[in-house]
Amino acid sequence: MCSWRRAVNMRARNPLVGGQVEPGFEPVEAAFQKTLREPGEFGAACAVSHQGELVVDLWGGYRDARRSERWTEDTLVLVFSTTKGVAAAAMAHARSRGYFEYDDRVADYWPAFAQHGKADVTIRQLLAHQAGLAAIGRNLTSKDVADSESLANRLAGKEPDWVPGTRHGYHAWSLGWYESELLRRTDPHGRSLGTYAAAELFEPLDETFHIGVPESADERVAHVEPFSPLDALRTIGSFPPRLLLGLANPFSTVSQAMNPFDVSTPAELNDPEWRRLEVPAGNGVGTARSLARLYGSLATDGEPLGIDRETLAALAAHGTPPTRGRRDVILGTDTSYSLGFWKPFDGFRFGSGTAFGAPGAGGSFAFADPDRELGFAYTPNRMGTHVWDDPRELRLRRAVEQSLAGR
C-alpha cells in the first residue's frame, strides 16, 4: 500500500464515506459522493492506481439493502463479469511463466477438446471469444458446477456455435471454465484459476479477491440488490436490439450463453451455495482496491507480479479480429476483445487505445490504461441495467480523466 502524502478526511464531509484521495484527484471524490447520494443507491467502492501508486481508495454507503450495515474498507462484493479481467490476468501471468503461448492450440494441452472440429482452435482465439463456445445450455445448478469432471467433459464435448476464428461472440459464462481447465493442465501445480489467481496475483499485492469464497470471508461480503423489471424498462434503449431479441427466445444461442444457470436473477449467484464455487467468468468477489492495484500493475511494469514486458505489450496491443468482422454473435453489436479482455471500440470508449479491461453485470468495471499508467475499478452492490457504461461508473471514469488532465 502507498503512503498517502495528504489524506482527505472523507467522513468530515459525509459520515458514510471513507478512504483517501491524493491531491489532484478530488473530482473523483466529488463524483463518488454524488453517486452515493442518488435515490436507490446502497453502497460502492472506487479505487485508482496511477504510475504504480494508489491515488484513490474510496468506499461508502451500506453493504445491505436495509441500510443497517456500513460499507467498510474490507467489504467484499460480487463483481460478475469484471471477474473476466482477473481470469485474463491469470492467463497472462501463466503465459509469462512459459506455461503456454497464446498461439498454441488448446487441444495440445487438453486432447479431449479437439472434438467436433476444435482441434486447431488456439488459446488466442479462445480468449478472444472466437472459439464458438458461448452457448453451454440452460438450467445449470450449483451441483452441476461443483462436479468439475462432468463440467470439463461437457466443455470438451461442446460443438462450436460457429466456425472458430470466423466470428466472435461473448462467452459470458463459459470462457472462465475453459480458461481454468486449460490453466489446470498447464500449471505445474495443477491449480484451478481461482486458486492460481489468489496465489499469483493477489497475494503479492497483499489484497483480497476470491473466485470461490471461503466461509471465513462470508461476513465481509456485501448483499447484492438486483435490478427491478421497471429499472430494465427504463434503460431498455441502452441494449443492442439484437441482444434483446435473442434473450426473448429461451432456446436461442444468445439465451443459452447469457442465462445458463438455474436462478431467477443473477444476484442469486451471491448466495453462499454459489459463491463457494469457481465461476471464473462471473462470480469473483473482492474489493475495488484489489482490482485497481492489479490493473495498475498491468499498466506499468508488471511488478510485483513478475509479468514480463513481452506479455504486457501483448495485452496493450490491438487484438486480431475474426475473419468475418467485429459484429458480436451474442451481443448483437460490434465489439472488440483480446487475450481475455475487452478492448475499446466505437460503442464503448474507455482509456486510450492501449487500454484493456472487463465490465460486469450490474455496473462494475475495471481496466488498465498503459499509456496513462492507470488502473481503475468501481464496484457497486445495487445492480444497474447497462451492458457497459453504467452512468455511475462513467461519471467516476470521467472524473479520473478530469483529474489526469489537471496534473
Protein backbone atom coordinates (compact mmCIF):
# COMPACT_ATOMS: atom_id res chain seq x y z
CA MET A 1 0.00 0.00 0.00
CA CYS A 2 1.22 3.51 -0.75
CA SER A 3 1.86 6.12 1.93
CA TRP A 4 -0.60 8.96 1.43
CA ARG A 5 1.04 12.38 1.10
CA ARG A 6 -2.19 14.11 2.18
CA ALA A 7 -5.25 12.18 3.17
CA VAL A 8 -8.59 13.96 2.73
CA ASN A 9 -10.91 13.43 5.70
CA MET A 10 -13.92 11.93 3.91
CA ARG A 11 -16.04 11.41 6.99
CA ALA A 12 -15.90 15.09 7.83
CA ARG A 13 -17.84 15.65 4.59
CA ASN A 14 -20.01 12.53 4.60
CA PRO A 15 -20.09 10.14 7.55
CA LEU A 16 -20.95 7.27 5.20
CA VAL A 17 -17.83 7.66 3.04
CA GLY A 18 -14.35 6.54 3.99
CA GLY A 19 -10.96 6.40 2.34
CA GLN A 20 -8.38 8.72 0.87
CA VAL A 21 -7.57 10.61 -2.32
CA GLU A 22 -4.28 12.12 -3.39
CA PRO A 23 -4.18 15.85 -4.20
CA GLY A 24 -5.43 16.43 -7.73
CA PHE A 25 -7.95 13.59 -7.64
CA GLU A 26 -10.63 15.46 -5.68
CA PRO A 27 -13.01 15.34 -8.70
CA VAL A 28 -13.20 11.57 -8.19
CA GLU A 29 -14.20 12.04 -4.58
CA ALA A 30 -16.87 14.55 -5.60
CA ALA A 31 -18.25 12.16 -8.22
CA PHE A 32 -18.28 9.29 -5.74
CA GLN A 33 -20.11 11.37 -3.13
CA LYS A 34 -22.69 12.42 -5.74
CA THR A 35 -23.28 8.83 -6.82
CA LEU A 36 -23.93 7.62 -3.29
CA ARG A 37 -26.46 10.42 -2.71
CA GLU A 38 -28.65 9.31 -5.61
CA PRO A 39 -32.03 7.70 -4.76
CA GLY A 40 -31.92 3.94 -4.53
CA GLU A 41 -28.17 3.66 -4.03
CA PHE A 42 -26.79 1.44 -1.28
CA GLY A 43 -23.01 1.14 -1.30
CA ALA A 44 -19.96 1.05 -3.53
CA ALA A 45 -16.20 1.42 -3.72
CA CYS A 46 -13.88 3.08 -6.21
CA ALA A 47 -10.10 2.90 -6.47
CA VAL A 48 -7.48 4.27 -8.86
CA SER A 49 -3.82 3.41 -9.31
CA HIS A 50 -1.62 5.89 -11.18
CA GLN A 51 2.03 5.37 -12.01
CA GLY A 52 2.18 2.48 -9.58
CA GLU A 53 0.64 4.36 -6.63
CA LEU A 54 -2.85 4.03 -5.19
CA VAL A 55 -4.16 7.61 -5.57
CA VAL A 56 -7.87 6.96 -4.89
CA ASP A 57 -9.28 4.48 -2.39
CA LEU A 58 -12.91 5.23 -1.56
CA TRP A 59 -15.75 3.24 -0.10
CA GLY A 60 -19.10 4.21 1.32
CA GLY A 61 -22.77 3.67 1.89
CA TYR A 62 -24.26 0.39 3.02
CA ARG A 63 -23.50 -3.22 2.26
CA ASP A 64 -27.13 -4.29 2.64
CA ALA A 65 -30.49 -3.20 1.21
CA ARG A 66 -31.90 -2.43 4.69
CA ARG A 67 -29.10 0.09 5.17
CA SER A 68 -28.18 -1.40 8.53
CA GLU A 69 -24.56 -2.40 7.82
CA ARG A 70 -21.95 0.15 6.78
CA TRP A 71 -19.67 -0.50 3.81
CA THR A 72 -16.16 -0.65 5.28
CA GLU A 73 -12.61 -0.69 4.00
CA ASP A 74 -12.55 -4.50 3.79
CA THR A 75 -16.07 -5.07 2.40
CA LEU A 76 -16.09 -7.56 -0.48
CA VAL A 77 -18.63 -7.51 -3.30
CA LEU A 78 -19.62 -9.70 -6.25
CA VAL A 79 -18.40 -8.09 -9.50
CA PHE A 80 -19.92 -10.50 -12.05
CA SER A 81 -18.08 -10.38 -15.43
CA THR A 82 -15.49 -7.93 -14.17
CA THR A 83 -14.08 -11.24 -12.94
CA LYS A 84 -13.10 -11.98 -16.56
CA GLY A 85 -10.32 -9.44 -16.28
CA VAL A 86 -8.89 -11.30 -13.29
CA ALA A 87 -9.11 -14.57 -15.22
CA ALA A 88 -7.36 -12.97 -18.21
CA ALA A 89 -4.66 -11.60 -15.92
CA ALA A 90 -4.11 -15.10 -14.50
CA MET A 91 -3.72 -16.44 -18.04
CA ALA A 92 -1.27 -13.63 -18.85
CA HIS A 93 0.72 -14.50 -15.73
CA ALA A 94 0.85 -18.17 -16.76
CA ARG A 95 1.94 -17.21 -20.28
CA SER A 96 4.67 -15.03 -18.78
CA ARG A 97 5.87 -18.06 -16.79
CA GLY A 98 6.20 -20.03 -20.02
CA TYR A 99 3.37 -22.48 -19.34
CA PHE A 100 1.95 -21.88 -22.83
CA GLU A 101 1.99 -19.45 -25.74
CA TYR A 102 -1.12 -17.63 -26.91
CA ASP A 103 -0.84 -19.18 -30.37
CA ASP A 104 -0.60 -22.74 -29.05
CA ARG A 105 -3.59 -24.98 -29.74
CA VAL A 106 -5.87 -25.67 -26.78
CA ALA A 107 -6.02 -29.36 -27.74
CA ASP A 108 -2.24 -29.67 -27.38
CA TYR A 109 -2.78 -29.47 -23.63
CA TRP A 110 -6.35 -30.80 -23.48
CA PRO A 111 -6.72 -33.56 -26.10
CA ALA A 112 -10.45 -34.11 -25.47
CA PHE A 113 -11.07 -30.50 -26.50
CA ALA A 114 -10.35 -31.45 -30.14
CA GLN A 115 -13.84 -32.96 -30.58
CA HIS A 116 -16.24 -31.55 -33.18
CA GLY A 117 -13.68 -29.71 -35.28
CA LYS A 118 -11.98 -27.81 -32.43
CA ALA A 119 -8.51 -29.36 -32.90
CA ASP A 120 -6.97 -26.20 -34.33
CA VAL A 121 -8.56 -23.65 -32.00
CA THR A 122 -5.77 -21.57 -30.48
CA ILE A 123 -5.60 -20.15 -27.00
CA ARG A 124 -5.63 -16.68 -28.57
CA GLN A 125 -8.90 -17.46 -30.38
CA LEU A 126 -10.46 -18.92 -27.24
CA LEU A 127 -9.57 -15.84 -25.17
CA ALA A 128 -10.90 -13.56 -27.93
CA HIS A 129 -14.37 -15.17 -27.77
CA GLN A 130 -13.82 -16.60 -31.27
CA ALA A 131 -13.98 -20.32 -30.47
CA GLY A 132 -17.77 -20.55 -30.85
CA LEU A 133 -18.23 -21.98 -27.37
CA ALA A 134 -20.55 -19.37 -25.93
CA ALA A 135 -23.77 -21.37 -25.51
CA ILE A 136 -23.47 -24.03 -22.84
CA GLY A 137 -27.16 -24.83 -22.33
CA ARG A 138 -29.54 -23.72 -19.61
CA ASN A 139 -30.56 -24.52 -16.04
CA LEU A 140 -27.13 -25.38 -14.65
CA THR A 141 -27.45 -26.00 -10.92
CA SER A 142 -24.82 -25.42 -8.27
CA LYS A 143 -24.32 -29.20 -8.16
CA ASP A 144 -23.61 -29.23 -11.92
CA VAL A 145 -20.94 -26.57 -11.49
CA ALA A 146 -19.44 -28.29 -8.44
CA ASP A 147 -18.91 -31.50 -10.44
CA SER A 148 -15.69 -30.36 -12.10
CA GLU A 149 -15.06 -33.60 -14.00
CA SER A 150 -18.52 -33.66 -15.54
CA LEU A 151 -18.28 -29.96 -16.36
CA ALA A 152 -14.90 -30.45 -18.06
CA ASN A 153 -16.32 -33.27 -20.18
CA ARG A 154 -19.27 -31.08 -21.14
CA LEU A 155 -16.93 -28.25 -22.16
CA ALA A 156 -14.65 -30.53 -24.18
CA GLY A 157 -17.61 -32.11 -25.97
CA LYS A 158 -19.21 -28.82 -26.96
CA GLU A 159 -19.89 -28.42 -30.67
CA PRO A 160 -19.00 -24.90 -31.84
CA ASP A 161 -21.82 -22.44 -32.45
CA TRP A 162 -19.88 -21.09 -35.47
CA VAL A 163 -16.66 -21.95 -37.30
CA PRO A 164 -13.88 -20.95 -34.86
CA GLY A 165 -11.97 -17.87 -35.93
CA THR A 166 -14.62 -16.63 -38.36
CA ARG A 167 -16.78 -14.74 -35.87
CA HIS A 168 -16.76 -13.74 -32.24
CA GLY A 169 -19.48 -13.75 -29.62
CA TYR A 170 -19.40 -13.01 -25.92
CA HIS A 171 -18.62 -16.19 -23.96
CA ALA A 172 -20.46 -14.75 -20.97
CA TRP A 173 -20.05 -17.69 -18.58
CA SER A 174 -18.25 -20.46 -20.43
CA LEU A 175 -14.95 -18.68 -21.01
CA GLY A 176 -13.78 -18.83 -17.40
CA TRP A 177 -14.26 -22.60 -17.13
CA TYR A 178 -12.33 -23.15 -20.37
CA GLU A 179 -9.54 -20.93 -19.04
CA SER A 180 -9.49 -22.73 -15.70
CA GLU A 181 -9.34 -26.19 -17.28
CA LEU A 182 -6.53 -25.08 -19.59
CA LEU A 183 -4.63 -23.50 -16.70
CA ARG A 184 -5.06 -26.59 -14.54
CA ARG A 185 -3.46 -28.66 -17.30
CA THR A 186 -0.51 -26.30 -17.88
CA ASP A 187 0.31 -25.07 -14.36
CA PRO A 188 2.97 -27.38 -12.84
CA HIS A 189 0.94 -27.39 -9.61
CA GLY A 190 -2.35 -28.18 -11.37
CA ARG A 191 -4.18 -25.28 -9.75
CA SER A 192 -7.64 -24.07 -10.71
CA LEU A 193 -7.95 -20.50 -11.90
CA GLY A 194 -9.36 -19.24 -8.61
CA THR A 195 -6.55 -20.79 -6.60
CA TYR A 196 -3.94 -19.59 -9.09
CA ALA A 197 -5.23 -16.00 -9.10
CA ALA A 198 -5.29 -15.79 -5.32
CA ALA A 199 -1.70 -17.02 -5.01
CA GLU A 200 -0.04 -15.42 -8.03
CA LEU A 201 -1.96 -12.17 -8.47
CA PHE A 202 -3.40 -11.00 -5.16
CA GLU A 203 -1.05 -12.46 -2.57
CA PRO A 204 1.91 -10.45 -3.96
CA LEU A 205 -0.28 -7.34 -3.85
CA ASP A 206 -1.40 -8.11 -0.27
CA GLU A 207 -5.00 -7.79 -1.46
CA THR A 208 -8.12 -9.96 -1.35
CA PHE A 209 -10.10 -11.27 -4.30
CA HIS A 210 -11.88 -14.61 -4.32
CA ILE A 211 -13.16 -16.80 -7.12
CA GLY A 212 -14.77 -19.26 -4.79
CA VAL A 213 -15.37 -17.52 -1.45
CA PRO A 214 -14.34 -19.38 1.73
CA GLU A 215 -16.88 -19.48 4.53
CA SER A 216 -14.49 -17.47 6.70
CA ALA A 217 -14.96 -14.44 4.41
CA ASP A 218 -18.78 -14.52 4.35
CA GLU A 219 -19.19 -11.80 6.97
CA ARG A 220 -17.31 -9.35 4.73
CA VAL A 221 -19.44 -9.93 1.62
CA ALA A 222 -21.96 -7.25 0.67
CA HIS A 223 -25.54 -8.04 -0.25
CA VAL A 224 -26.24 -7.56 -3.97
CA GLU A 225 -29.55 -5.91 -4.78
CA PRO A 226 -30.96 -7.00 -8.18
CA PHE A 227 -32.47 -4.55 -10.61
CA SER A 228 -36.25 -4.50 -10.96
CA PRO A 229 -38.25 -5.05 -14.17
CA LEU A 230 -39.07 -1.33 -14.06
CA ASP A 231 -35.35 -0.49 -13.93
CA ALA A 232 -34.80 -2.65 -17.01
CA LEU A 233 -37.67 -0.99 -18.90
CA ARG A 234 -36.29 2.47 -18.14
CA THR A 235 -32.95 1.66 -19.73
CA ILE A 236 -34.04 -0.74 -22.46
CA GLY A 237 -32.74 1.67 -25.06
CA SER A 238 -29.17 1.01 -23.91
CA PHE A 239 -29.41 -2.65 -25.00
CA PRO A 240 -28.49 -3.66 -28.56
CA PRO A 241 -31.82 -4.66 -30.24
CA ARG A 242 -30.42 -7.98 -31.47
CA LEU A 243 -29.42 -8.88 -27.92
CA LEU A 244 -32.96 -8.22 -26.70
CA LEU A 245 -34.42 -10.37 -29.47
CA GLY A 246 -32.08 -13.22 -28.59
CA LEU A 247 -32.86 -13.00 -24.88
CA ALA A 248 -36.58 -13.20 -25.65
CA ASN A 249 -36.11 -16.71 -27.04
CA PRO A 250 -35.04 -19.14 -24.29
CA PHE A 251 -33.79 -21.65 -26.89
CA SER A 252 -31.56 -19.19 -28.76
CA THR A 253 -27.77 -19.25 -28.71
CA VAL A 254 -27.93 -15.85 -27.01
CA SER A 255 -30.10 -17.09 -24.13
CA GLN A 256 -28.03 -20.23 -23.66
CA ALA A 257 -24.88 -18.11 -23.50
CA MET A 258 -26.20 -15.34 -21.25
CA ASN A 259 -28.58 -17.24 -18.93
CA PRO A 260 -27.21 -20.74 -18.29
CA PHE A 261 -27.95 -21.01 -14.57
CA ASP A 262 -30.97 -22.28 -12.68
CA VAL A 263 -31.52 -18.95 -10.92
CA SER A 264 -34.24 -16.32 -11.21
CA THR A 265 -31.84 -13.36 -11.06
CA PRO A 266 -28.05 -13.00 -11.40
CA ALA A 267 -27.95 -11.66 -7.83
CA GLU A 268 -28.60 -15.23 -6.60
CA LEU A 269 -25.02 -16.04 -7.57
CA ASN A 270 -24.13 -14.16 -4.39
CA ASP A 271 -25.87 -16.81 -2.29
CA PRO A 272 -23.42 -18.95 -0.28
CA GLU A 273 -24.07 -22.16 -2.27
CA TRP A 274 -23.00 -20.35 -5.46
CA ARG A 275 -20.18 -18.18 -4.19
CA ARG A 276 -18.38 -21.25 -2.78
CA LEU A 277 -17.93 -22.39 -6.40
CA GLU A 278 -15.49 -21.20 -9.02
CA VAL A 279 -17.18 -19.44 -11.93
CA PRO A 280 -14.12 -17.60 -13.27
CA ALA A 281 -16.10 -15.66 -15.87
CA GLY A 282 -18.51 -14.14 -13.42
CA ASN A 283 -18.54 -14.80 -9.67
CA GLY A 284 -15.41 -13.07 -8.40
CA VAL A 285 -15.78 -11.34 -5.04
CA GLY A 286 -13.32 -8.69 -3.92
CA THR A 287 -12.57 -5.03 -3.32
CA ALA A 288 -12.21 -2.19 -5.81
CA ARG A 289 -8.77 -1.62 -4.36
CA SER A 290 -7.63 -5.14 -5.25
CA LEU A 291 -8.76 -4.68 -8.85
CA ALA A 292 -7.25 -1.20 -9.24
CA ARG A 293 -3.92 -2.40 -7.91
CA LEU A 294 -3.97 -5.44 -10.19
CA TYR A 295 -4.69 -3.30 -13.24
CA GLY A 296 -2.21 -0.70 -12.04
CA SER A 297 0.48 -3.37 -12.15
CA LEU A 298 -0.57 -4.46 -15.64
CA ALA A 299 -0.49 -0.82 -16.78
CA THR A 300 3.07 -0.22 -15.60
CA ASP A 301 5.88 -2.74 -15.20
CA GLY A 302 4.06 -5.88 -14.10
CA GLU A 303 5.51 -5.76 -10.60
CA PRO A 304 5.22 -7.20 -8.03
CA LEU A 305 3.53 -9.92 -10.09
CA GLY A 306 6.56 -10.65 -12.22
CA ILE A 307 4.76 -10.44 -15.57
CA ASP A 308 7.28 -9.87 -18.35
CA ARG A 309 7.29 -6.92 -20.74
CA GLU A 310 6.52 -9.07 -23.78
CA THR A 311 3.26 -10.23 -22.20
CA LEU A 312 2.37 -6.71 -21.06
CA ALA A 313 2.95 -5.44 -24.61
CA ALA A 314 0.64 -8.16 -25.95
CA LEU A 315 -2.12 -7.07 -23.57
CA ALA A 316 -1.79 -3.45 -24.70
CA ALA A 317 -1.78 -4.30 -28.42
CA HIS A 318 -4.83 -4.39 -30.66
CA GLY A 319 -6.44 -7.79 -30.92
CA THR A 320 -6.83 -9.87 -34.06
CA PRO A 321 -10.46 -9.59 -35.21
CA PRO A 322 -12.34 -12.60 -36.61
CA THR A 323 -12.30 -13.02 -40.37
CA ARG A 324 -15.97 -12.05 -40.77
CA GLY A 325 -15.77 -8.80 -38.83
CA ARG A 326 -16.47 -7.46 -35.35
CA ARG A 327 -20.24 -7.99 -35.15
CA ASP A 328 -20.77 -9.92 -31.92
CA VAL A 329 -22.94 -13.02 -32.39
CA ILE A 330 -24.22 -12.82 -28.80
CA LEU A 331 -24.37 -9.10 -28.00
CA GLY A 332 -25.62 -8.15 -31.47
CA THR A 333 -23.33 -5.15 -31.96
CA ASP A 334 -19.70 -4.55 -32.88
CA THR A 335 -17.30 -5.37 -30.03
CA SER A 336 -13.57 -5.90 -29.57
CA TYR A 337 -11.75 -8.49 -27.47
CA SER A 338 -8.16 -9.61 -27.00
CA LEU A 339 -6.47 -12.14 -24.71
CA GLY A 340 -9.47 -12.41 -22.39
CA PHE A 341 -10.06 -8.65 -22.05
CA TRP A 342 -12.39 -6.14 -23.67
CA LYS A 343 -10.66 -3.51 -25.81
CA PRO A 344 -12.11 -0.05 -26.59
CA PHE A 345 -14.39 0.21 -29.63
CA ASP A 346 -16.76 2.82 -31.07
CA GLY A 347 -19.64 1.87 -28.80
CA PHE A 348 -17.54 1.57 -25.64
CA ARG A 349 -14.69 4.04 -25.26
CA PHE A 350 -12.52 3.77 -22.18
CA GLY A 351 -8.97 4.97 -21.73
CA SER A 352 -6.55 5.14 -24.63
CA GLY A 353 -6.10 2.71 -27.50
CA THR A 354 -3.85 0.53 -25.35
CA ALA A 355 -6.48 0.09 -22.62
CA PHE A 356 -7.99 -3.26 -21.69
CA GLY A 357 -10.43 -4.37 -19.02
CA ALA A 358 -13.76 -6.05 -18.28
CA PRO A 359 -17.21 -4.67 -17.37
CA GLY A 360 -19.59 -6.64 -15.17
CA ALA A 361 -23.35 -7.06 -15.00
CA GLY A 362 -24.79 -4.55 -12.58
CA GLY A 363 -22.30 -1.75 -13.22
CA SER A 364 -18.87 -2.82 -12.00
CA PHE A 365 -15.89 -2.12 -14.25
CA ALA A 366 -12.12 -2.33 -14.01
CA PHE A 367 -9.45 -1.62 -16.59
CA ALA A 368 -5.81 -0.78 -17.26
CA ASP A 369 -4.54 2.04 -19.47
CA PRO A 370 -0.81 1.55 -20.11
CA ASP A 371 -0.47 4.87 -21.97
CA ARG A 372 -1.56 6.65 -18.78
CA GLU A 373 -0.10 4.09 -16.35
CA LEU A 374 -3.60 3.84 -14.89
CA GLY A 375 -5.62 1.18 -13.13
CA PHE A 376 -9.30 1.87 -12.34
CA ALA A 377 -12.07 -0.04 -10.56
CA TYR A 378 -15.66 0.63 -9.49
CA THR A 379 -17.73 -1.94 -7.58
CA PRO A 380 -21.36 -1.27 -6.51
CA ASN A 381 -23.83 -3.56 -4.76
CA ARG A 382 -27.00 -2.23 -6.41
CA MET A 383 -27.24 -3.76 -9.85
CA GLY A 384 -27.68 -1.38 -12.77
CA THR A 385 -29.03 -2.45 -16.15
CA HIS A 386 -26.48 -1.18 -18.69
CA VAL A 387 -24.38 -3.70 -20.63
CA TRP A 388 -21.49 -1.24 -20.30
CA ASP A 389 -21.08 2.47 -19.48
CA ASP A 390 -23.17 2.31 -16.31
CA PRO A 391 -23.86 6.01 -15.55
CA ARG A 392 -22.35 5.73 -12.05
CA GLU A 393 -19.14 4.18 -13.29
CA LEU A 394 -18.96 6.51 -16.29
CA ARG A 395 -19.21 9.56 -14.01
CA LEU A 396 -16.27 8.30 -11.98
CA ARG A 397 -14.23 7.43 -15.05
CA ARG A 398 -14.73 10.91 -16.45
CA ALA A 399 -13.69 12.38 -13.10
CA VAL A 400 -10.47 10.41 -13.32
CA GLU A 401 -9.85 11.78 -16.81
CA GLN A 402 -10.50 15.29 -15.48
CA SER A 403 -8.04 14.73 -12.67
CA LEU A 404 -5.33 13.45 -15.01
CA ALA A 405 -5.85 16.39 -17.37
CA GLY A 406 -5.24 18.79 -14.50
CA ARG A 407 -1.96 17.27 -13.39
